[in-house]
Amino acid sequence: QVQLVESGGGLVQAGGSLRLSCAASGSGSSINSMGWYRRGRRDLVASISRGGVTNYADSAKGRFTISRDNAKNTVYLQMNSLKPEDTAVYYCNAFTYARSMYWGQGTQVTVSS
């Protein structure tokens, strides 16, 4: 079992920045990839494998950076140049080597114009 706890959401003006964090507990060493989704967990924002291979949605490229600290079982999403259309609940996701998927509770990001 893996538990995911997100933090770092909030309200920011357009053009501002936020950094989201997601800490995994439990069987953290079983996690292969981690990522961030929004829009009801439908839209991938960014993902990163344990080896550091990243994948970004087109809307996130050039503005968002995903990173990971495997020792802390934590994934980060640095979001810069935020736009009102980035407003959403952001969900952390973990996919294990056993092909199980886990979700965090979500953190709200609101970007005002």
PDB file of N, CA and C in Angstrom:
ATOM      1  N   GLN A   1       0.835  -1.190   0.000  1.00  0.00           N
ATOM      2  CA  GLN A   1       0.000   0.000   0.000  1.00  0.00           C
ATOM      3  C   GLN A   1       0.874   1.246   0.000  1.00  0.00           C
ATOM      4  N   VAL A   2       0.417   2.238  -0.713  1.00  0.00           N
ATOM      5  CA  VAL A   2       1.103   3.522  -0.794  1.00  0.00           C
ATOM      6  C   VAL A   2       0.102   4.612  -0.440  1.00  0.00           C
ATOM      7  N   GLN A   3       0.517   5.519   0.406  1.00  0.00           N
ATOM      8  CA  GLN A   3      -0.296   6.683   0.723  1.00  0.00           C
ATOM      9  C   GLN A   3       0.405   7.916   0.169  1.00  0.00           C
ATOM     10  N   LEU A   4      -0.380   8.788  -0.431  1.00  0.00           N
ATOM     11  CA  LEU A   4       0.159  10.006  -1.044  1.00  0.00           C
ATOM     12  C   LEU A   4      -0.479  11.224  -0.394  1.00  0.00           C
ATOM     13  N   VAL A   5       0.347  12.168  -0.022  1.00  0.00           N
ATOM     14  CA  VAL A   5      -0.146  13.396   0.595  1.00  0.00           C
ATOM     15  C   VAL A   5       0.429  14.582  -0.160  1.00  0.00           C
ATOM     16  N   GLU A   6      -0.474  15.387  -0.731  1.00  0.00           N
ATOM     17  CA  GLU A   6      -0.051  16.555  -1.501  1.00  0.00           C
ATOM     18  C   GLU A   6      -0.053  17.799  -0.622  1.00  0.00           C
ATOM     19  N   SER A   7       0.733  18.763  -1.031  1.00  0.00           N
ATOM     20  CA  SER A   7       0.737  20.073  -0.374  1.00  0.00           C
ATOM     21  C   SER A   7       1.235  21.101  -1.377  1.00  0.00           C
ATOM     22  N   GLY A   8       1.008  22.358  -1.048  1.00  0.00           N
ATOM     23  CA  GLY A   8       1.567  23.438  -1.854  1.00  0.00           C
ATOM     24  C   GLY A   8       0.590  24.169  -2.737  1.00  0.00           C
ATOM     25  N   GLY A   9      -0.662  23.740  -2.785  1.00  0.00           N
ATOM     26  CA  GLY A   9      -1.628  24.462  -3.590  1.00  0.00           C
ATOM     27  C   GLY A   9      -1.981  25.796  -2.949  1.00  0.00           C
ATOM     28  N   GLY A  10      -2.749  26.595  -3.689  1.00  0.00           N
ATOM     29  CA  GLY A  10      -3.160  27.873  -3.144  1.00  0.00           C
ATOM     30  C   GLY A  10      -3.651  28.799  -4.216  1.00  0.00           C
ATOM     31  N   LEU A  11      -3.746  30.073  -3.847  1.00  0.00           N
ATOM     32  CA  LEU A  11      -4.215  31.123  -4.745  1.00  0.00           C
ATOM     33  C   LEU A  11      -3.033  31.983  -5.158  1.00  0.00           C
ATOM     34  N   VAL A  12      -2.923  32.217  -6.452  1.00  0.00           N
ATOM     35  CA  VAL A  12      -1.820  33.024  -6.972  1.00  0.00           C
ATOM     36  C   VAL A  12      -2.325  33.835  -8.154  1.00  0.00           C
ATOM     37  N   GLN A  13      -1.719  34.967  -8.380  1.00  0.00           N
ATOM     38  CA  GLN A  13      -2.084  35.783  -9.526  1.00  0.00           C
ATOM     39  C   GLN A  13      -1.461  35.221 -10.803  1.00  0.00           C
ATOM     40  N   ALA A  14      -2.085  35.528 -11.905  1.00  0.00           N
ATOM     41  CA  ALA A  14      -1.543  35.104 -13.195  1.00  0.00           C
ATOM     42  C   ALA A  14      -0.100  35.598 -13.333  1.00  0.00           C
ATOM     43  N   GLY A  15       0.741  34.718 -13.837  1.00  0.00           N
ATOM     44  CA  GLY A  15       2.159  35.020 -13.956  1.00  0.00           C
ATOM     45  C   GLY A  15       2.984  34.586 -12.764  1.00  0.00           C
ATOM     46  N   GLY A  16       2.312  34.198 -11.705  1.00  0.00           N
ATOM     47  CA  GLY A  16       3.009  33.786 -10.492  1.00  0.00           C
ATOM     48  C   GLY A  16       3.428  32.329 -10.536  1.00  0.00           C
ATOM     49  N   SER A  17       3.951  31.867  -9.402  1.00  0.00           N
ATOM     50  CA  SER A  17       4.483  30.512  -9.303  1.00  0.00           C
ATOM     51  C   SER A  17       3.956  29.813  -8.066  1.00  0.00           C
ATOM     52  N   LEU A  18       3.894  28.511  -8.168  1.00  0.00           N
ATOM     53  CA  LEU A  18       3.582  27.643  -7.036  1.00  0.00           C
ATOM     54  C   LEU A  18       4.418  26.384  -7.163  1.00  0.00           C
ATOM     55  N   ARG A  19       4.696  25.771  -6.020  1.00  0.00           N
ATOM     56  CA  ARG A  19       5.402  24.496  -6.007  1.00  0.00           C
ATOM     57  C   ARG A  19       4.566  23.482  -5.253  1.00  0.00           C
ATOM     58  N   LEU A  20       4.181  22.442  -5.946  1.00  0.00           N
ATOM     59  CA  LEU A  20       3.430  21.361  -5.324  1.00  0.00           C
ATOM     60  C   LEU A  20       4.385  20.255  -4.889  1.00  0.00           C
ATOM     61  N   SER A  21       4.038  19.628  -3.773  1.00  0.00           N
ATOM     62  CA  SER A  21       4.809  18.492  -3.280  1.00  0.00           C
ATOM     63  C   SER A  21       3.866  17.326  -3.034  1.00  0.00           C
ATOM     64  N   CYS A  22       4.393  16.125  -3.200  1.00  0.00           N
ATOM     65  CA  CYS A  22       3.616  14.924  -2.928  1.00  0.00           C
ATOM     66  C   CYS A  22       4.549  13.913  -2.278  1.00  0.00           C
ATOM     67  N   ALA A  23       4.255  13.595  -1.039  1.00  0.00           N
ATOM     68  CA  ALA A  23       5.071  12.654  -0.283  1.00  0.00           C
ATOM     69  C   ALA A  23       4.388  11.303  -0.230  1.00  0.00           C
ATOM     70  N   ALA A  24       5.134  10.269  -0.568  1.00  0.00           N
ATOM     71  CA  ALA A  24       4.610   8.908  -0.534  1.00  0.00           C
ATOM     72  C   ALA A  24       5.089   8.201   0.714  1.00  0.00           C
ATOM     73  N   SER A  25       4.193   7.503   1.349  1.00  0.00           N
ATOM     74  CA  SER A  25       4.557   6.686   2.504  1.00  0.00           C
ATOM     75  C   SER A  25       4.031   5.273   2.296  1.00  0.00           C
ATOM     76  N   GLY A  26       4.467   4.381   3.136  1.00  0.00           N
ATOM     77  CA  GLY A  26       4.096   2.985   2.949  1.00  0.00           C
ATOM     78  C   GLY A  26       5.163   2.300   2.133  1.00  0.00           C
ATOM     79  N   SER A  27       4.774   1.653   1.078  1.00  0.00           N
ATOM     80  CA  SER A  27       5.711   0.912   0.239  1.00  0.00           C
ATOM     81  C   SER A  27       6.306   1.830  -0.836  1.00  0.00           C
ATOM     82  N   GLY A  28       6.982   2.880  -0.382  1.00  0.00           N
ATOM     83  CA  GLY A  28       7.514   3.852  -1.324  1.00  0.00           C
ATOM     84  C   GLY A  28       8.513   3.285  -2.303  1.00  0.00           C
ATOM     85  N   SER A  29       9.272   2.277  -1.873  1.00  0.00           N
ATOM     86  CA  SER A  29      10.285   1.713  -2.757  1.00  0.00           C
ATOM     87  C   SER A  29       9.667   0.915  -3.902  1.00  0.00           C
ATOM     88  N   SER A  30       8.383   0.650  -3.818  1.00  0.00           N
ATOM     89  CA  SER A  30       7.700  -0.102  -4.883  1.00  0.00           C
ATOM     90  C   SER A  30       7.229   0.798  -6.011  1.00  0.00           C
ATOM     91  N   ILE A  31       7.424   2.106  -5.838  1.00  0.00           N
ATOM     92  CA  ILE A  31       6.902   3.055  -6.826  1.00  0.00           C
ATOM     93  C   ILE A  31       7.829   3.163  -8.021  1.00  0.00           C
ATOM     94  N   ASN A  32       7.267   3.058  -9.198  1.00  0.00           N
ATOM     95  CA  ASN A  32       8.022   3.280 -10.418  1.00  0.00           C
ATOM     96  C   ASN A  32       7.858   4.739 -10.834  1.00  0.00           C
ATOM     97  N   SER A  33       6.726   5.060 -11.411  1.00  0.00           N
ATOM     98  CA  SER A  33       6.529   6.433 -11.865  1.00  0.00           C
ATOM     99  C   SER A  33       5.601   7.199 -10.921  1.00  0.00           C
ATOM    100  N   MET A  34       5.789   8.497 -10.905  1.00  0.00           N
ATOM    101  CA  MET A  34       4.914   9.403 -10.165  1.00  0.00           C
ATOM    102  C   MET A  34       4.544  10.550 -11.086  1.00  0.00           C
ATOM    103  N   GLY A  35       3.399  11.141 -10.828  1.00  0.00           N
ATOM    104  CA  GLY A  35       2.986  12.224 -11.714  1.00  0.00           C
ATOM    105  C   GLY A  35       1.905  13.076 -11.112  1.00  0.00           C
ATOM    106  N   TRP A  36       1.518  14.082 -11.875  1.00  0.00           N
ATOM    107  CA  TRP A  36       0.464  15.006 -11.489  1.00  0.00           C
ATOM    108  C   TRP A  36      -0.592  15.042 -12.576  1.00  0.00           C
ATOM    109  N   TYR A  37      -1.838  15.011 -12.147  1.00  0.00           N
ATOM    110  CA  TYR A  37      -2.985  15.079 -13.043  1.00  0.00           C
ATOM    111  C   TYR A  37      -3.894  16.207 -12.579  1.00  0.00           C
ATOM    112  N   ARG A  38      -4.776  16.633 -13.461  1.00  0.00           N
ATOM    113  CA  ARG A  38      -5.799  17.604 -13.100  1.00  0.00           C
ATOM    114  C   ARG A  38      -7.061  17.301 -13.895  1.00  0.00           C
ATOM    115  N   ARG A  39      -8.047  18.133 -13.759  1.00  0.00           N
ATOM    116  CA  ARG A  39      -9.329  17.927 -14.445  1.00  0.00           C
ATOM    117  C   ARG A  39      -9.909  16.563 -14.096  1.00  0.00           C
ATOM    118  N   GLY A  40     -10.132  16.372 -12.783  1.00  0.00           N
ATOM    119  CA  GLY A  40     -10.742  15.130 -12.354  1.00  0.00           C
ATOM    120  C   GLY A  40      -9.891  13.909 -12.631  1.00  0.00           C
ATOM    121  N   ARG A  41      -8.585  14.069 -12.566  1.00  0.00           N
ATOM    122  CA  ARG A  41      -7.622  12.991 -12.782  1.00  0.00           C
ATOM    123  C   ARG A  41      -7.584  12.520 -14.229  1.00  0.00           C
ATOM    124  N   ARG A  42      -8.146  13.308 -15.127  1.00  0.00           N
ATOM    125  CA  ARG A  42      -8.182  12.888 -16.527  1.00  0.00           C
ATOM    126  C   ARG A  42      -6.949  13.348 -17.301  1.00  0.00           C
ATOM    127  N   ASP A  43      -6.488  14.551 -16.989  1.00  0.00           N
ATOM    128  CA  ASP A  43      -5.434  15.154 -17.796  1.00  0.00           C
ATOM    129  C   ASP A  43      -4.087  15.041 -17.102  1.00  0.00           C
ATOM    130  N   LEU A  44      -3.170  14.357 -17.761  1.00  0.00           N
ATOM    131  CA  LEU A  44      -1.809  14.306 -17.243  1.00  0.00           C
ATOM    132  C   LEU A  44      -1.174  15.680 -17.384  1.00  0.00           C
ATOM    133  N   VAL A  45      -0.542  16.139 -16.321  1.00  0.00           N
ATOM    134  CA  VAL A  45       0.223  17.386 -16.371  1.00  0.00           C
ATOM    135  C   VAL A  45       1.693  17.044 -16.612  1.00  0.00           C
ATOM    136  N   ALA A  46       2.234  16.152 -15.787  1.00  0.00           N
ATOM    137  CA  ALA A  46       3.628  15.742 -15.920  1.00  0.00           C
ATOM    138  C   ALA A  46       3.833  14.457 -15.152  1.00  0.00           C
ATOM    139  N   SER A  47       4.810  13.678 -15.593  1.00  0.00           N
ATOM    140  CA  SER A  47       5.161  12.461 -14.879  1.00  0.00           C
ATOM    141  C   SER A  47       6.666  12.279 -14.910  1.00  0.00           C
ATOM    142  N   ILE A  48       7.150  11.451 -13.981  1.00  0.00           N
ATOM    143  CA  ILE A  48       8.579  11.196 -13.901  1.00  0.00           C
ATOM    144  C   ILE A  48       8.785   9.767 -13.418  1.00  0.00           C
ATOM    145  N   SER A  49       9.695   9.075 -14.061  1.00  0.00           N
ATOM    146  CA  SER A  49       9.988   7.714 -13.656  1.00  0.00           C
ATOM    147  C   SER A  49      11.010   7.724 -12.527  1.00  0.00           C
ATOM    148  N   ARG A  50      11.218   6.565 -11.923  1.00  0.00           N
ATOM    149  CA  ARG A  50      12.209   6.486 -10.862  1.00  0.00           C
ATOM    150  C   ARG A  50      13.595   6.847 -11.393  1.00  0.00           C
ATOM    151  N   GLY A  51      13.819   6.572 -12.648  1.00  0.00           N
ATOM    152  CA  GLY A  51      15.104   6.906 -13.249  1.00  0.00           C
ATOM    153  C   GLY A  51      15.219   8.336 -13.725  1.00  0.00           C
ATOM    154  N   GLY A  52      14.131   9.109 -13.599  1.00  0.00           N
ATOM    155  CA  GLY A  52      14.207  10.524 -13.927  1.00  0.00           C
ATOM    156  C   GLY A  52      13.715  10.884 -15.319  1.00  0.00           C
ATOM    157  N   VAL A  53      13.129   9.952 -16.030  1.00  0.00           N
ATOM    158  CA  VAL A  53      12.583  10.269 -17.350  1.00  0.00           C
ATOM    159  C   VAL A  53      11.265  11.013 -17.158  1.00  0.00           C
ATOM    160  N   THR A  54      11.152  12.165 -17.794  1.00  0.00           N
ATOM    161  CA  THR A  54       9.984  13.019 -17.596  1.00  0.00           C
ATOM    162  C   THR A  54       9.098  13.057 -18.840  1.00  0.00           C
ATOM    163  N   ASN A  55       7.849  13.384 -18.591  1.00  0.00           N
ATOM    164  CA  ASN A  55       6.867  13.534 -19.664  1.00  0.00           C
ATOM    165  C   ASN A  55       5.942  14.678 -19.278  1.00  0.00           C
ATOM    166  N   TYR A  56       5.685  15.579 -20.222  1.00  0.00           N
ATOM    167  CA  TYR A  56       4.864  16.754 -19.942  1.00  0.00           C
ATOM    168  C   TYR A  56       3.715  16.878 -20.935  1.00  0.00           C
ATOM    169  N   ALA A  57       2.593  17.369 -20.446  1.00  0.00           N
ATOM    170  CA  ALA A  57       1.539  17.792 -21.344  1.00  0.00           C
ATOM    171  C   ALA A  57       2.020  19.009 -22.116  1.00  0.00           C
ATOM    172  N   ASP A  58       1.511  19.194 -23.313  1.00  0.00           N
ATOM    173  CA  ASP A  58       1.922  20.351 -24.113  1.00  0.00           C
ATOM    174  C   ASP A  58       1.688  21.653 -23.365  1.00  0.00           C
ATOM    175  N   SER A  59       0.610  21.718 -22.607  1.00  0.00           N
ATOM    176  CA  SER A  59       0.272  22.941 -21.888  1.00  0.00           C
ATOM    177  C   SER A  59       1.255  23.243 -20.766  1.00  0.00           C
ATOM    178  N   ALA A  60       2.010  22.235 -20.340  1.00  0.00           N
ATOM    179  CA  ALA A  60       2.937  22.400 -19.224  1.00  0.00           C
ATOM    180  C   ALA A  60       4.379  22.633 -19.683  1.00  0.00           C
ATOM    181  N   LYS A  61       4.677  22.282 -20.901  1.00  0.00           N
ATOM    182  CA  LYS A  61       6.048  22.392 -21.394  1.00  0.00           C
ATOM    183  C   LYS A  61       6.529  23.837 -21.351  1.00  0.00           C
ATOM    184  N   GLY A  62       7.726  24.021 -20.839  1.00  0.00           N
ATOM    185  CA  GLY A  62       8.308  25.350 -20.762  1.00  0.00           C
ATOM    186  C   GLY A  62       7.892  26.162 -19.549  1.00  0.00           C
ATOM    187  N   ARG A  63       6.866  25.713 -18.848  1.00  0.00           N
ATOM    188  CA  ARG A  63       6.397  26.462 -17.670  1.00  0.00           C
ATOM    189  C   ARG A  63       6.503  25.635 -16.396  1.00  0.00           C
ATOM    190  N   PHE A  64       6.257  24.347 -16.484  1.00  0.00           N
ATOM    191  CA  PHE A  64       6.259  23.475 -15.312  1.00  0.00           C
ATOM    192  C   PHE A  64       7.479  22.556 -15.347  1.00  0.00           C
ATOM    193  N   THR A  65       7.972  22.234 -14.163  1.00  0.00           N
ATOM    194  CA  THR A  65       9.084  21.299 -14.043  1.00  0.00           C
ATOM    195  C   THR A  65       8.761  20.278 -12.962  1.00  0.00           C
ATOM    196  N   ILE A  66       8.818  19.011 -13.330  1.00  0.00           N
ATOM    197  CA  ILE A  66       8.604  17.935 -12.363  1.00  0.00           C
ATOM    198  C   ILE A  66       9.958  17.392 -11.939  1.00  0.00           C
ATOM    199  N   SER A  67      10.075  17.110 -10.660  1.00  0.00           N
ATOM    200  CA  SER A  67      11.316  16.542 -10.139  1.00  0.00           C
ATOM    201  C   SER A  67      10.965  15.554  -9.035  1.00  0.00           C
ATOM    202  N   ARG A  68      11.981  14.821  -8.618  1.00  0.00           N
ATOM    203  CA  ARG A  68      11.693  13.720  -7.684  1.00  0.00           C
ATOM    204  C   ARG A  68      12.892  13.478  -6.798  1.00  0.00           C
ATOM    205  N   ASP A  69      12.628  13.215  -5.550  1.00  0.00           N
ATOM    206  CA  ASP A  69      13.650  12.825  -4.591  1.00  0.00           C
ATOM    207  C   ASP A  69      13.326  11.397  -4.171  1.00  0.00           C
ATOM    208  N   ASN A  70      14.025  10.439  -4.741  1.00  0.00           N
ATOM    209  CA  ASN A  70      13.705   9.038  -4.459  1.00  0.00           C
ATOM    210  C   ASN A  70      13.988   8.664  -3.003  1.00  0.00           C
ATOM    211  N   ALA A  71      14.987   9.298  -2.412  1.00  0.00           N
ATOM    212  CA  ALA A  71      15.311   8.995  -1.007  1.00  0.00           C
ATOM    213  C   ALA A  71      14.171   9.407  -0.085  1.00  0.00           C
ATOM    214  N   LYS A  72      13.475  10.473  -0.463  1.00  0.00           N
ATOM    215  CA  LYS A  72      12.352  10.964   0.350  1.00  0.00           C
ATOM    216  C   LYS A  72      11.007  10.491  -0.189  1.00  0.00           C
ATOM    217  N   ASN A  73      11.024   9.753  -1.291  1.00  0.00           N
ATOM    218  CA  ASN A  73       9.766   9.313  -1.927  1.00  0.00           C
ATOM    219  C   ASN A  73       8.827  10.491  -2.148  1.00  0.00           C
ATOM    220  N   THR A  74       9.377  11.555  -2.655  1.00  0.00           N
ATOM    221  CA  THR A  74       8.614  12.786  -2.852  1.00  0.00           C
ATOM    222  C   THR A  74       8.785  13.271  -4.285  1.00  0.00           C
ATOM    223  N   VAL A  75       7.686  13.732  -4.851  1.00  0.00           N
ATOM    224  CA  VAL A  75       7.717  14.325  -6.184  1.00  0.00           C
ATOM    225  C   VAL A  75       7.261  15.766  -6.063  1.00  0.00           C
ATOM    226  N   TYR A  76       7.846  16.617  -6.889  1.00  0.00           N
ATOM    227  CA  TYR A  76       7.554  18.050  -6.859  1.00  0.00           C
ATOM    228  C   TYR A  76       7.083  18.505  -8.241  1.00  0.00           C
ATOM    229  N   LEU A  77       6.274  19.535  -8.237  1.00  0.00           N
ATOM    230  CA  LEU A  77       5.885  20.173  -9.491  1.00  0.00           C
ATOM    231  C   LEU A  77       6.064  21.677  -9.312  1.00  0.00           C
ATOM    232  N   GLN A  78       7.071  22.213  -9.940  1.00  0.00           N
ATOM    233  CA  GLN A  78       7.299  23.660  -9.931  1.00  0.00           C
ATOM    234  C   GLN A  78       6.516  24.253 -11.093  1.00  0.00           C
ATOM    235  N   MET A  79       5.605  25.140 -10.771  1.00  0.00           N
ATOM    236  CA  MET A  79       4.744  25.739 -11.790  1.00  0.00           C
ATOM    237  C   MET A  79       5.028  27.231 -11.869  1.00  0.00           C
ATOM    238  N   ASN A  80       5.512  27.667 -13.007  1.00  0.00           N
ATOM    239  CA  ASN A  80       5.815  29.071 -13.244  1.00  0.00           C
ATOM    240  C   ASN A  80       4.906  29.625 -14.328  1.00  0.00           C
ATOM    241  N   SER A  81       4.855  30.941 -14.410  1.00  0.00           N
ATOM    242  CA  SER A  81       4.043  31.612 -15.430  1.00  0.00           C
ATOM    243  C   SER A  81       2.626  31.052 -15.456  1.00  0.00           C
ATOM    244  N   LEU A  82       2.037  30.959 -14.293  1.00  0.00           N
ATOM    245  CA  LEU A  82       0.709  30.354 -14.184  1.00  0.00           C
ATOM    246  C   LEU A  82      -0.343  31.199 -14.883  1.00  0.00           C
ATOM    247  N   LYS A  83      -1.322  30.508 -15.453  1.00  0.00           N
ATOM    248  CA  LYS A  83      -2.416  31.146 -16.184  1.00  0.00           C
ATOM    249  C   LYS A  83      -3.746  30.779 -15.515  1.00  0.00           C
ATOM    250  N   PRO A  84      -4.775  31.579 -15.703  1.00  0.00           N
ATOM    251  CA  PRO A  84      -6.083  31.233 -15.118  1.00  0.00           C
ATOM    252  C   PRO A  84      -6.565  29.844 -15.545  1.00  0.00           C
ATOM    253  N   GLU A  85      -6.215  29.429 -16.743  1.00  0.00           N
ATOM    254  CA  GLU A  85      -6.655  28.104 -17.195  1.00  0.00           C
ATOM    255  C   GLU A  85      -5.925  26.965 -16.503  1.00  0.00           C
ATOM    256  N   ASP A  86      -4.907  27.275 -15.708  1.00  0.00           N
ATOM    257  CA  ASP A  86      -4.262  26.252 -14.895  1.00  0.00           C
ATOM    258  C   ASP A  86      -5.044  25.964 -13.614  1.00  0.00           C
ATOM    259  N   THR A  87      -6.062  26.759 -13.353  1.00  0.00           N
ATOM    260  CA  THR A  87      -6.878  26.545 -12.168  1.00  0.00           C
ATOM    261  C   THR A  87      -7.524  25.163 -12.203  1.00  0.00           C
ATOM    262  N   ALA A  88      -7.294  24.391 -11.142  1.00  0.00           N
ATOM    263  CA  ALA A  88      -7.803  23.026 -11.082  1.00  0.00           C
ATOM    264  C   ALA A  88      -7.397  22.416  -9.754  1.00  0.00           C
ATOM    265  N   VAL A  89      -7.978  21.264  -9.459  1.00  0.00           N
ATOM    266  CA  VAL A  89      -7.464  20.419  -8.385  1.00  0.00           C
ATOM    267  C   VAL A  89      -6.391  19.531  -9.007  1.00  0.00           C
ATOM    268  N   TYR A  90      -5.222  19.532  -8.401  1.00  0.00           N
ATOM    269  CA  TYR A  90      -4.096  18.747  -8.899  1.00  0.00           C
ATOM    270  C   TYR A  90      -3.950  17.500  -8.033  1.00  0.00           C
ATOM    271  N   TYR A  91      -3.897  16.361  -8.693  1.00  0.00           N
ATOM    272  CA  TYR A  91      -3.814  15.080  -8.005  1.00  0.00           C
ATOM    273  C   TYR A  91      -2.459  14.431  -8.259  1.00  0.00           C
ATOM    274  N   CYS A  92      -1.865  13.951  -7.188  1.00  0.00           N
ATOM    275  CA  CYS A  92      -0.634  13.186  -7.295  1.00  0.00           C
ATOM    276  C   CYS A  92      -0.980  11.731  -7.582  1.00  0.00           C
ATOM    277  N   ASN A  93      -0.153  11.098  -8.378  1.00  0.00           N
ATOM    278  CA  ASN A  93      -0.379   9.724  -8.801  1.00  0.00           C
ATOM    279  C   ASN A  93       0.916   8.939  -8.651  1.00  0.00           C
ATOM    280  N   ALA A  94       0.785   7.697  -8.238  1.00  0.00           N
ATOM    281  CA  ALA A  94       1.945   6.806  -8.163  1.00  0.00           C
ATOM    282  C   ALA A  94       1.584   5.479  -8.789  1.00  0.00           C
ATOM    283  N   PHE A  95       2.493   4.984  -9.589  1.00  0.00           N
ATOM    284  CA  PHE A  95       2.296   3.696 -10.276  1.00  0.00           C
ATOM    285  C   PHE A  95       3.428   2.780  -9.847  1.00  0.00           C
ATOM    286  N   THR A  96       3.059   1.630  -9.294  1.00  0.00           N
ATOM    287  CA  THR A  96       4.084   0.750  -8.736  1.00  0.00           C
ATOM    288  C   THR A  96       4.568  -0.275  -9.753  1.00  0.00           C
ATOM    289  N   TYR A  97       5.669  -0.927  -9.394  1.00  0.00           N
ATOM    290  CA  TYR A  97       6.207  -1.995 -10.229  1.00  0.00           C
ATOM    291  C   TYR A  97       5.226  -3.167 -10.326  1.00  0.00           C
ATOM    292  N   ALA A  98       4.371  -3.311  -9.337  1.00  0.00           N
ATOM    293  CA  ALA A  98       3.345  -4.354  -9.358  1.00  0.00           C
ATOM    294  C   ALA A  98       2.113  -3.927 -10.138  1.00  0.00           C
ATOM    295  N   ARG A  99       2.208  -2.775 -10.795  1.00  0.00           N
ATOM    296  CA  ARG A  99       1.148  -2.249 -11.656  1.00  0.00           C
ATOM    297  C   ARG A  99      -0.099  -1.871 -10.873  1.00  0.00           C
ATOM    298  N   SER A 100       0.116  -1.391  -9.645  1.00  0.00           N
ATOM    299  CA  SER A 100      -0.976  -0.793  -8.875  1.00  0.00           C
ATOM    300  C   SER A 100      -0.873   0.719  -8.994  1.00  0.00           C
ATOM    301  N   MET A 101      -2.010   1.379  -8.912  1.00  0.00           N
ATOM    302  CA  MET A 101      -2.045   2.827  -9.034  1.00  0.00           C
ATOM    303  C   MET A 101      -2.671   3.428  -7.780  1.00  0.00           C
ATOM    304  N   TYR A 102      -2.074   4.512  -7.325  1.00  0.00           N
ATOM    305  CA  TYR A 102      -2.553   5.191  -6.130  1.00  0.00           C
ATOM    306  C   TYR A 102      -2.713   6.687  -6.429  1.00  0.00           C
ATOM    307  N   TRP A 103      -3.633   7.302  -5.691  1.00  0.00           N
ATOM    308  CA  TRP A 103      -3.921   8.725  -5.860  1.00  0.00           C
ATOM    309  C   TRP A 103      -3.884   9.452  -4.519  1.00  0.00           C
ATOM    310  N   GLY A 104      -3.466  10.704  -4.576  1.00  0.00           N
ATOM    311  CA  GLY A 104      -3.585  11.563  -3.422  1.00  0.00           C
ATOM    312  C   GLY A 104      -4.980  12.179  -3.375  1.00  0.00           C
ATOM    313  N   GLN A 105      -5.209  12.980  -2.345  1.00  0.00           N
ATOM    314  CA  GLN A 105      -6.535  13.554  -2.143  1.00  0.00           C
ATOM    315  C   GLN A 105      -6.763  14.793  -2.999  1.00  0.00           C
ATOM    316  N   GLY A 106      -5.707  15.336  -3.565  1.00  0.00           N
ATOM    317  CA  GLY A 106      -5.826  16.517  -4.407  1.00  0.00           C
ATOM    318  C   GLY A 106      -5.528  17.796  -3.668  1.00  0.00           C
ATOM    319  N   THR A 107      -4.989  18.757  -4.382  1.00  0.00           N
ATOM    320  CA  THR A 107      -4.716  20.078  -3.818  1.00  0.00           C
ATOM    321  C   THR A 107      -5.184  21.122  -4.829  1.00  0.00           C
ATOM    322  N   GLN A 108      -5.882  22.124  -4.323  1.00  0.00           N
ATOM    323  CA  GLN A 108      -6.482  23.135  -5.198  1.00  0.00           C
ATOM    324  C   GLN A 108      -5.457  24.186  -5.591  1.00  0.00           C
ATOM    325  N   VAL A 109      -5.408  24.473  -6.871  1.00  0.00           N
ATOM    326  CA  VAL A 109      -4.608  25.573  -7.407  1.00  0.00           C
ATOM    327  C   VAL A 109      -5.579  26.542  -8.088  1.00  0.00           C
ATOM    328  N   THR A 110      -5.551  27.782  -7.654  1.00  0.00           N
ATOM    329  CA  THR A 110      -6.410  28.804  -8.234  1.00  0.00           C
ATOM    330  C   THR A 110      -5.546  29.959  -8.725  1.00  0.00           C
ATOM    331  N   VAL A 111      -5.691  30.289  -9.991  1.00  0.00           N
ATOM    332  CA  VAL A 111      -4.919  31.373 -10.596  1.00  0.00           C
ATOM    333  C   VAL A 111      -5.887  32.481 -10.985  1.00  0.00           C
ATOM    334  N   SER A 112      -5.724  33.622 -10.387  1.00  0.00           N
ATOM    335  CA  SER A 112      -6.610  34.756 -10.665  1.00  0.00           C
ATOM    336  C   SER A 112      -6.025  35.600 -11.782  1.00  0.00           C
ATOM    337  N   SER A 113      -6.926  36.198 -12.555  1.00  0.00           N
ATOM    338  CA  SER A 113      -6.477  37.035 -13.694  1.00  0.00           C
ATOM    339  C   SER A 113      -6.289  38.468 -13.265  1.00  0.00           C
TER     340      SER A 113
END
